[in-house]
Amino acid sequence: MGRTLLYPFAGAGIGFLVGFVIVRMMAGASPPSDTTAITLFVGTFLAGTGAIAGAIIGGVEFLKRRDQAREAQVQGESESEV
């Protein structure tokens, strides 16, 4: 369950950093006030998309581990019955 909560935060952080780097690379000699606003908008958008992607990945990991634990439990019970 911890990964389900951790992955969205990691995705948001990575998304914001990617937005920050892309805007700074593309801005060139633009005034700092313009690049700050654009960085905030693009970084926020990519942070949101990164959080969504992180939540999906974390949820899939959680479900995968839960299914593996159930299979191991069922397999252990069937072996003990024999």
C-alpha atoms as a PDB file:
ATOM      1  CA  MET A   1       0.000   0.000   0.000  1.00  0.00           C
ATOM      2  CA  GLY A   2       2.941   2.303   0.619  1.00  0.00           C
ATOM      3  CA  ARG A   3       4.012   2.164  -3.002  1.00  0.00           C
ATOM      4  CA  THR A   4       0.510   3.124  -4.083  1.00  0.00           C
ATOM      5  CA  LEU A   5       0.972   6.345  -2.138  1.00  0.00           C
ATOM      6  CA  LEU A   6       4.632   6.871  -2.996  1.00  0.00           C
ATOM      7  CA  TYR A   7       4.446   6.499  -6.790  1.00  0.00           C
ATOM      8  CA  PRO A   8       2.116   9.500  -7.390  1.00  0.00           C
ATOM      9  CA  PHE A   9       4.434  11.789  -5.446  1.00  0.00           C
ATOM     10  CA  ALA A  10       7.456  10.511  -7.342  1.00  0.00           C
ATOM     11  CA  GLY A  11       5.605  10.921 -10.649  1.00  0.00           C
ATOM     12  CA  ALA A  12       4.601  14.478  -9.758  1.00  0.00           C
ATOM     13  CA  GLY A  13       8.156  15.400  -8.810  1.00  0.00           C
ATOM     14  CA  ILE A  14       9.641  13.926 -11.950  1.00  0.00           C
ATOM     15  CA  GLY A  15       6.939  15.556 -14.090  1.00  0.00           C
ATOM     16  CA  PHE A  16       7.628  18.984 -12.613  1.00  0.00           C
ATOM     17  CA  LEU A  17      11.384  18.603 -13.058  1.00  0.00           C
ATOM     18  CA  VAL A  18      10.931  17.560 -16.693  1.00  0.00           C
ATOM     19  CA  GLY A  19       8.716  20.598 -17.297  1.00  0.00           C
ATOM     20  CA  PHE A  20      11.240  22.856 -15.602  1.00  0.00           C
ATOM     21  CA  VAL A  21      14.126  21.552 -17.712  1.00  0.00           C
ATOM     22  CA  ILE A  22      12.181  21.710 -20.981  1.00  0.00           C
ATOM     23  CA  VAL A  23      11.045  25.302 -20.409  1.00  0.00           C
ATOM     24  CA  ARG A  24      14.518  26.443 -19.384  1.00  0.00           C
ATOM     25  CA  MET A  25      16.048  24.828 -22.457  1.00  0.00           C
ATOM     26  CA  MET A  26      13.485  26.310 -24.843  1.00  0.00           C
ATOM     27  CA  ALA A  27      13.282  29.779 -23.247  1.00  0.00           C
ATOM     28  CA  GLY A  28      16.711  30.962 -24.269  1.00  0.00           C
ATOM     29  CA  ALA A  29      17.054  34.704 -23.609  1.00  0.00           C
ATOM     30  CA  SER A  30      13.428  35.364 -22.638  1.00  0.00           C
ATOM     31  CA  PRO A  31      12.757  37.636 -19.660  1.00  0.00           C
ATOM     32  CA  PRO A  32      12.806  35.768 -16.325  1.00  0.00           C
ATOM     33  CA  SER A  33       9.231  36.789 -15.461  1.00  0.00           C
ATOM     34  CA  ASP A  34       7.914  35.116 -18.622  1.00  0.00           C
ATOM     35  CA  THR A  35       9.857  31.918 -18.143  1.00  0.00           C
ATOM     36  CA  THR A  36       8.814  31.708 -14.491  1.00  0.00           C
ATOM     37  CA  ALA A  37       5.113  31.785 -15.372  1.00  0.00           C
ATOM     38  CA  ILE A  38       5.517  29.320 -18.229  1.00  0.00           C
ATOM     39  CA  THR A  39       7.606  27.028 -16.024  1.00  0.00           C
ATOM     40  CA  LEU A  40       4.899  27.087 -13.375  1.00  0.00           C
ATOM     41  CA  PHE A  41       2.126  26.236 -15.861  1.00  0.00           C
ATOM     42  CA  VAL A  42       4.001  23.522 -17.761  1.00  0.00           C
ATOM     43  CA  GLY A  43       5.529  22.062 -14.590  1.00  0.00           C
ATOM     44  CA  THR A  44       2.141  21.897 -12.888  1.00  0.00           C
ATOM     45  CA  PHE A  45       0.560  20.204 -15.885  1.00  0.00           C
ATOM     46  CA  LEU A  46       3.339  17.615 -16.136  1.00  0.00           C
ATOM     47  CA  ALA A  47       3.288  17.099 -12.368  1.00  0.00           C
ATOM     48  CA  GLY A  48      -0.408  16.255 -12.601  1.00  0.00           C
ATOM     49  CA  THR A  49       0.092  13.834 -15.456  1.00  0.00           C
ATOM     50  CA  GLY A  50       3.054  12.274 -13.644  1.00  0.00           C
ATOM     51  CA  ALA A  51       0.955  11.832 -10.510  1.00  0.00           C
ATOM     52  CA  ILE A  52      -1.768  10.093 -12.502  1.00  0.00           C
ATOM     53  CA  ALA A  53       0.757   7.796 -14.172  1.00  0.00           C
ATOM     54  CA  GLY A  54       2.384   7.081 -10.810  1.00  0.00           C
ATOM     55  CA  ALA A  55      -0.972   6.233  -9.250  1.00  0.00           C
ATOM     56  CA  ILE A  56      -1.754   3.802 -12.052  1.00  0.00           C
ATOM     57  CA  ILE A  57       1.656   2.126 -11.798  1.00  0.00           C
ATOM     58  CA  GLY A  58       1.417   1.957  -8.001  1.00  0.00           C
ATOM     59  CA  GLY A  59      -2.059   0.461  -8.170  1.00  0.00           C
ATOM     60  CA  VAL A  60      -0.970  -2.171 -10.661  1.00  0.00           C
ATOM     61  CA  GLU A  61       2.000  -3.086  -8.458  1.00  0.00           C
ATOM     62  CA  PHE A  62      -0.302  -3.347  -5.430  1.00  0.00           C
ATOM     63  CA  LEU A  63      -2.763  -5.603  -7.241  1.00  0.00           C
ATOM     64  CA  LYS A  64       0.018  -7.753  -8.674  1.00  0.00           C
ATOM     65  CA  ARG A  65       1.565  -8.337  -5.242  1.00  0.00           C
ATOM     66  CA  ARG A  66      -1.832  -9.020  -3.694  1.00  0.00           C
ATOM     67  CA  ASP A  67      -2.614 -11.624  -6.349  1.00  0.00           C
ATOM     68  CA  GLN A  68       0.785 -13.279  -5.864  1.00  0.00           C
ATOM     69  CA  ALA A  69       0.228 -13.431  -2.107  1.00  0.00           C
ATOM     70  CA  ARG A  70      -3.193 -15.020  -2.591  1.00  0.00           C
ATOM     71  CA  GLU A  71      -1.795 -17.597  -5.019  1.00  0.00           C
ATOM     72  CA  ALA A  72       0.980 -18.485  -2.586  1.00  0.00           C
ATOM     73  CA  GLN A  73      -1.521 -18.817   0.246  1.00  0.00           C
ATOM     74  CA  VAL A  74      -3.835 -21.039  -1.794  1.00  0.00           C
ATOM     75  CA  GLN A  75      -0.925 -23.138  -2.985  1.00  0.00           C
ATOM     76  CA  GLY A  76       0.335 -23.524   0.592  1.00  0.00           C
ATOM     77  CA  GLU A  77      -3.083 -24.614   1.810  1.00  0.00           C
ATOM     78  CA  SER A  78      -3.478 -27.174  -0.987  1.00  0.00           C
ATOM     79  CA  GLU A  79      -0.045 -28.663  -0.251  1.00  0.00           C
ATOM     80  CA  SER A  80      -0.833 -28.999   3.467  1.00  0.00           C
ATOM     81  CA  GLU A  81      -4.080 -30.853   2.717  1.00  0.00           C
ATOM     82  CA  VAL A  82      -2.299 -33.538   0.696  1.00  0.00           C
END
